[in-house]
């Protein structure tokens, strides 16, 4: 049995994950934190991105 993790072949194969986000300042955000409010078993509980290094999805496609 292959124990390596792989990305799903199709988007429908991916698990559903509920995510929420918070800004450090709603009027002029410099950081965005994304987290799953109900999942307690995730290895990473949250991800914070600094605005100065973030890129829009359109710019990386």
PDB file of N, CA and C in Angstrom:
ATOM      1  N   UNK A   1       0.841  -1.189   0.000  1.00  0.00           N
ATOM      2  CA  UNK A   1       0.000   0.000   0.000  1.00  0.00           C
ATOM      3  C   UNK A   1       0.881   1.245   0.000  1.00  0.00           C
ATOM      4  N   UNK A   2       0.555   2.193  -0.841  1.00  0.00           N
ATOM      5  CA  UNK A   2       1.321   3.431  -0.956  1.00  0.00           C
ATOM      6  C   UNK A   2       0.824   4.422   0.092  1.00  0.00           C
ATOM      7  N   UNK A   3       1.693   4.816   1.012  1.00  0.00           N
ATOM      8  CA  UNK A   3       1.275   5.707   2.099  1.00  0.00           C
ATOM      9  C   UNK A   3       1.492   7.179   1.775  1.00  0.00           C
ATOM     10  N   UNK A   4       2.001   7.501   0.581  1.00  0.00           N
ATOM     11  CA  UNK A   4       2.225   8.899   0.210  1.00  0.00           C
ATOM     12  C   UNK A   4       0.895   9.589  -0.066  1.00  0.00           C
ATOM     13  N   UNK A   5       0.792  10.821   0.375  1.00  0.00           N
ATOM     14  CA  UNK A   5      -0.422  11.593   0.120  1.00  0.00           C
ATOM     15  C   UNK A   5      -0.343  12.199  -1.269  1.00  0.00           C
ATOM     16  N   UNK A   6      -1.461  12.220  -1.950  1.00  0.00           N
ATOM     17  CA  UNK A   6      -1.521  12.782  -3.289  1.00  0.00           C
ATOM     18  C   UNK A   6      -2.715  13.712  -3.391  1.00  0.00           C
ATOM     19  N   UNK A   7      -2.610  14.662  -4.299  1.00  0.00           N
ATOM     20  CA  UNK A   7      -3.732  15.563  -4.557  1.00  0.00           C
ATOM     21  C   UNK A   7      -4.840  14.770  -5.241  1.00  0.00           C
ATOM     22  N   UNK A   8      -6.090  15.142  -5.000  1.00  0.00           N
ATOM     23  CA  UNK A   8      -7.196  14.458  -5.674  1.00  0.00           C
ATOM     24  C   UNK A   8      -7.087  14.639  -7.185  1.00  0.00           C
ATOM     25  N   UNK A   9      -7.481  13.611  -7.928  1.00  0.00           N
ATOM     26  CA  UNK A   9      -7.457  13.681  -9.392  1.00  0.00           C
ATOM     27  C   UNK A   9      -8.486  14.683  -9.912  1.00  0.00           C
ATOM     28  N   UNK A  10      -9.636  14.724  -9.293  1.00  0.00           N
ATOM     29  CA  UNK A  10     -10.728  15.603  -9.700  1.00  0.00           C
ATOM     30  C   UNK A  10     -11.167  16.445  -8.507  1.00  0.00           C
ATOM     31  N   UNK A  11     -11.627  17.683  -8.758  1.00  0.00           N
ATOM     32  CA  UNK A  11     -12.095  18.525  -7.634  1.00  0.00           C
ATOM     33  C   UNK A  11     -13.184  17.860  -6.793  1.00  0.00           C
ATOM     34  N   UNK A  12     -14.026  17.032  -7.430  1.00  0.00           N
ATOM     35  CA  UNK A  12     -15.094  16.362  -6.679  1.00  0.00           C
ATOM     36  C   UNK A  12     -14.548  15.350  -5.681  1.00  0.00           C
ATOM     37  N   UNK A  13     -13.296  14.899  -5.874  1.00  0.00           N
ATOM     38  CA  UNK A  13     -12.678  13.936  -4.963  1.00  0.00           C
ATOM     39  C   UNK A  13     -12.141  14.592  -3.696  1.00  0.00           C
ATOM     40  N   UNK A  14     -11.994  15.905  -3.721  1.00  0.00           N
ATOM     41  CA  UNK A  14     -11.432  16.630  -2.577  1.00  0.00           C
ATOM     42  C   UNK A  14     -12.459  16.698  -1.448  1.00  0.00           C
ATOM     43  N   UNK A  15     -12.002  16.677  -0.201  1.00  0.00           N
ATOM     44  CA  UNK A  15     -12.941  16.772   0.928  1.00  0.00           C
ATOM     45  C   UNK A  15     -13.537  18.175   1.035  1.00  0.00           C
ATOM     46  N   UNK A  16     -14.746  18.255   1.550  1.00  0.00           N
ATOM     47  CA  UNK A  16     -15.370  19.550   1.817  1.00  0.00           C
ATOM     48  C   UNK A  16     -14.804  20.102   3.115  1.00  0.00           C
ATOM     49  N   UNK A  17     -14.419  21.371   3.099  1.00  0.00           N
ATOM     50  CA  UNK A  17     -13.858  22.015   4.279  1.00  0.00           C
ATOM     51  C   UNK A  17     -14.542  23.360   4.457  1.00  0.00           C
ATOM     52  N   UNK A  18     -15.066  23.608   5.641  1.00  0.00           N
ATOM     53  CA  UNK A  18     -15.680  24.899   5.947  1.00  0.00           C
ATOM     54  C   UNK A  18     -14.596  25.826   6.482  1.00  0.00           C
ATOM     55  N   UNK A  19     -14.444  26.980   5.841  1.00  0.00           N
ATOM     56  CA  UNK A  19     -13.422  27.935   6.263  1.00  0.00           C
ATOM     57  C   UNK A  19     -14.043  29.284   6.573  1.00  0.00           C
ATOM     58  N   UNK A  20     -13.446  29.975   7.517  1.00  0.00           N
ATOM     59  CA  UNK A  20     -13.814  31.352   7.839  1.00  0.00           C
ATOM     60  C   UNK A  20     -12.549  32.188   7.821  1.00  0.00           C
ATOM     61  N   UNK A  21     -12.717  33.501   7.784  1.00  0.00           N
ATOM     62  CA  UNK A  21     -11.533  34.360   7.794  1.00  0.00           C
ATOM     63  C   UNK A  21     -11.769  35.577   8.677  1.00  0.00           C
ATOM     64  N   UNK A  22     -10.675  36.112   9.175  1.00  0.00           N
ATOM     65  CA  UNK A  22     -10.681  37.328   9.987  1.00  0.00           C
ATOM     66  C   UNK A  22      -9.587  38.256   9.484  1.00  0.00           C
ATOM     67  N   UNK A  23      -9.856  39.555   9.532  1.00  0.00           N
ATOM     68  CA  UNK A  23      -8.872  40.570   9.171  1.00  0.00           C
ATOM     69  C   UNK A  23      -8.336  41.213  10.437  1.00  0.00           C
ATOM     70  N   UNK A  24      -7.098  41.691  10.383  1.00  0.00           N
ATOM     71  CA  UNK A  24      -6.569  42.411  11.537  1.00  0.00           C
ATOM     72  C   UNK A  24      -7.216  43.791  11.646  1.00  0.00           C
ATOM     73  N   UNK A  25      -7.639  44.365  10.513  1.00  0.00           N
ATOM     74  CA  UNK A  25      -8.306  45.671  10.489  1.00  0.00           C
ATOM     75  C   UNK A  25      -9.233  45.684   9.275  1.00  0.00           C
ATOM     76  N   UNK A  26     -10.536  45.768   9.486  1.00  0.00           N
ATOM     77  CA  UNK A  26     -11.494  45.692   8.372  1.00  0.00           C
ATOM     78  C   UNK A  26     -11.371  46.846   7.381  1.00  0.00           C
ATOM     79  N   UNK A  27     -11.032  48.027   7.830  1.00  0.00           N
ATOM     80  CA  UNK A  27     -10.962  49.175   6.925  1.00  0.00           C
ATOM     81  C   UNK A  27      -9.649  49.242   6.152  1.00  0.00           C
ATOM     82  N   UNK A  28      -8.577  48.716   6.715  1.00  0.00           N
ATOM     83  CA  UNK A  28      -7.278  48.726   6.047  1.00  0.00           C
ATOM     84  C   UNK A  28      -6.501  47.469   6.450  1.00  0.00           C
ATOM     85  N   UNK A  29      -6.927  46.306   5.952  1.00  0.00           N
ATOM     86  CA  UNK A  29      -6.307  45.058   6.410  1.00  0.00           C
ATOM     87  C   UNK A  29      -4.873  44.897   5.920  1.00  0.00           C
ATOM     88  N   UNK A  30      -4.013  44.407   6.805  1.00  0.00           N
ATOM     89  CA  UNK A  30      -2.647  44.064   6.412  1.00  0.00           C
ATOM     90  C   UNK A  30      -2.406  42.564   6.564  1.00  0.00           C
ATOM     91  N   UNK A  31      -3.274  41.881   7.324  1.00  0.00           N
ATOM     92  CA  UNK A  31      -3.183  40.433   7.492  1.00  0.00           C
ATOM     93  C   UNK A  31      -4.567  39.805   7.401  1.00  0.00           C
ATOM     94  N   UNK A  32      -4.622  38.623   6.832  1.00  0.00           N
ATOM     95  CA  UNK A  32      -5.842  37.835   6.732  1.00  0.00           C
ATOM     96  C   UNK A  32      -5.545  36.470   7.337  1.00  0.00           C
ATOM     97  N   UNK A  33      -6.401  36.020   8.248  1.00  0.00           N
ATOM     98  CA  UNK A  33      -6.240  34.702   8.856  1.00  0.00           C
ATOM     99  C   UNK A  33      -7.401  33.823   8.430  1.00  0.00           C
ATOM    100  N   UNK A  34      -7.080  32.647   7.897  1.00  0.00           N
ATOM    101  CA  UNK A  34      -8.079  31.682   7.441  1.00  0.00           C
ATOM    102  C   UNK A  34      -8.034  30.497   8.395  1.00  0.00           C
ATOM    103  N   UNK A  35      -9.221  30.021   8.802  1.00  0.00           N
ATOM    104  CA  UNK A  35      -9.281  28.906   9.748  1.00  0.00           C
ATOM    105  C   UNK A  35     -10.565  28.126   9.567  1.00  0.00           C
ATOM    106  N   UNK A  36     -10.580  26.928  10.086  1.00  0.00           N
ATOM    107  CA  UNK A  36     -11.762  26.083  10.078  1.00  0.00           C
ATOM    108  C   UNK A  36     -12.360  26.120  11.480  1.00  0.00           C
ATOM    109  N   UNK A  37     -13.543  26.714  11.646  1.00  0.00           N
ATOM    110  CA  UNK A  37     -14.097  26.905  12.987  1.00  0.00           C
ATOM    111  C   UNK A  37     -14.513  25.618  13.696  1.00  0.00           C
ATOM    112  N   UNK A  38     -14.871  24.590  12.956  1.00  0.00           N
ATOM    113  CA  UNK A  38     -15.377  23.388  13.605  1.00  0.00           C
ATOM    114  C   UNK A  38     -14.401  22.243  13.679  1.00  0.00           C
ATOM    115  N   UNK A  39     -13.318  22.302  12.935  1.00  0.00           N
ATOM    116  CA  UNK A  39     -12.384  21.179  12.860  1.00  0.00           C
ATOM    117  C   UNK A  39     -11.315  21.288  13.932  1.00  0.00           C
ATOM    118  N   UNK A  40     -11.259  20.322  14.817  1.00  0.00           N
ATOM    119  CA  UNK A  40     -10.286  20.332  15.916  1.00  0.00           C
ATOM    120  C   UNK A  40      -9.108  19.393  15.649  1.00  0.00           C
ATOM    121  N   UNK A  41      -9.172  18.622  14.568  1.00  0.00           N
ATOM    122  CA  UNK A  41      -8.130  17.627  14.325  1.00  0.00           C
ATOM    123  C   UNK A  41      -7.149  18.032  13.232  1.00  0.00           C
ATOM    124  N   UNK A  42      -7.205  19.247  12.761  1.00  0.00           N
ATOM    125  CA  UNK A  42      -6.274  19.693  11.729  1.00  0.00           C
ATOM    126  C   UNK A  42      -4.877  19.870  12.305  1.00  0.00           C
ATOM    127  N   UNK A  43      -3.872  19.530  11.523  1.00  0.00           N
ATOM    128  CA  UNK A  43      -2.491  19.729  11.969  1.00  0.00           C
ATOM    129  C   UNK A  43      -2.177  21.214  12.092  1.00  0.00           C
ATOM    130  N   UNK A  44      -2.706  21.996  11.173  1.00  0.00           N
ATOM    131  CA  UNK A  44      -2.540  23.450  11.218  1.00  0.00           C
ATOM    132  C   UNK A  44      -3.893  24.051  11.544  1.00  0.00           C
ATOM    133  N   UNK A  45      -3.977  24.796  12.611  1.00  0.00           N
ATOM    134  CA  UNK A  45      -5.255  25.352  13.042  1.00  0.00           C
ATOM    135  C   UNK A  45      -5.626  26.628  12.307  1.00  0.00           C
ATOM    136  N   UNK A  46      -4.636  27.338  11.784  1.00  0.00           N
ATOM    137  CA  UNK A  46      -4.919  28.567  11.058  1.00  0.00           C
ATOM    138  C   UNK A  46      -3.752  28.895  10.139  1.00  0.00           C
ATOM    139  N   UNK A  47      -4.020  29.746   9.161  1.00  0.00           N
ATOM    140  CA  UNK A  47      -2.994  30.256   8.249  1.00  0.00           C
ATOM    141  C   UNK A  47      -3.173  31.763   8.189  1.00  0.00           C
ATOM    142  N   UNK A  48      -2.105  32.509   8.412  1.00  0.00           N
ATOM    143  CA  UNK A  48      -2.148  33.966   8.333  1.00  0.00           C
ATOM    144  C   UNK A  48      -1.269  34.415   7.171  1.00  0.00           C
ATOM    145  N   UNK A  49      -1.811  35.316   6.349  1.00  0.00           N
ATOM    146  CA  UNK A  49      -1.090  35.830   5.188  1.00  0.00           C
ATOM    147  C   UNK A  49      -0.927  37.330   5.329  1.00  0.00           C
ATOM    148  N   UNK A  50       0.288  37.794   5.133  1.00  0.00           N
ATOM    149  CA  UNK A  50       0.572  39.224   5.153  1.00  0.00           C
ATOM    150  C   UNK A  50       0.243  39.802   3.780  1.00  0.00           C
ATOM    151  N   UNK A  51      -0.466  40.897   3.746  1.00  0.00           N
ATOM    152  CA  UNK A  51      -0.926  41.505   2.501  1.00  0.00           C
ATOM    153  C   UNK A  51       0.224  41.840   1.552  1.00  0.00           C
ATOM    154  N   UNK A  52       1.373  42.204   2.071  1.00  0.00           N
ATOM    155  CA  UNK A  52       2.489  42.619   1.216  1.00  0.00           C
ATOM    156  C   UNK A  52       3.038  41.475   0.358  1.00  0.00           C
ATOM    157  N   UNK A  53       2.795  40.226   0.734  1.00  0.00           N
ATOM    158  CA  UNK A  53       3.290  39.093  -0.051  1.00  0.00           C
ATOM    159  C   UNK A  53       2.171  38.286  -0.713  1.00  0.00           C
ATOM    160  N   UNK A  54       0.925  38.644  -0.472  1.00  0.00           N
ATOM    161  CA  UNK A  54      -0.210  37.930  -1.055  1.00  0.00           C
ATOM    162  C   UNK A  54      -0.370  38.302  -2.528  1.00  0.00           C
ATOM    163  N   UNK A  55      -0.852  37.360  -3.324  1.00  0.00           N
ATOM    164  CA  UNK A  55      -1.111  37.579  -4.742  1.00  0.00           C
ATOM    165  C   UNK A  55      -2.527  37.130  -5.044  1.00  0.00           C
ATOM    166  N   UNK A  56      -3.191  37.834  -5.945  1.00  0.00           N
ATOM    167  CA  UNK A  56      -4.543  37.433  -6.333  1.00  0.00           C
ATOM    168  C   UNK A  56      -4.463  36.151  -7.158  1.00  0.00           C
ATOM    169  N   UNK A  57      -5.515  35.364  -7.125  1.00  0.00           N
ATOM    170  CA  UNK A  57      -5.531  34.135  -7.913  1.00  0.00           C
ATOM    171  C   UNK A  57      -5.429  34.430  -9.401  1.00  0.00           C
ATOM    172  N   UNK A  58      -6.034  35.524  -9.852  1.00  0.00           N
ATOM    173  CA  UNK A  58      -5.967  35.882 -11.271  1.00  0.00           C
ATOM    174  C   UNK A  58      -4.538  36.144 -11.730  1.00  0.00           C
ATOM    175  N   UNK A  59      -3.693  36.665 -10.861  1.00  0.00           N
ATOM    176  CA  UNK A  59      -2.321  36.994 -11.260  1.00  0.00           C
ATOM    177  C   UNK A  59      -1.401  35.777 -11.313  1.00  0.00           C
ATOM    178  N   UNK A  60      -1.800  34.658 -10.723  1.00  0.00           N
ATOM    179  CA  UNK A  60      -0.950  33.472 -10.733  1.00  0.00           C
ATOM    180  C   UNK A  60      -1.442  32.386 -11.684  1.00  0.00           C
ATOM    181  N   UNK A  61      -2.517  32.638 -12.367  1.00  0.00           N
ATOM    182  CA  UNK A  61      -3.047  31.636 -13.324  1.00  0.00           C
ATOM    183  C   UNK A  61      -2.365  31.723 -14.645  1.00  0.00           C
TER     184      UNK A  61
END
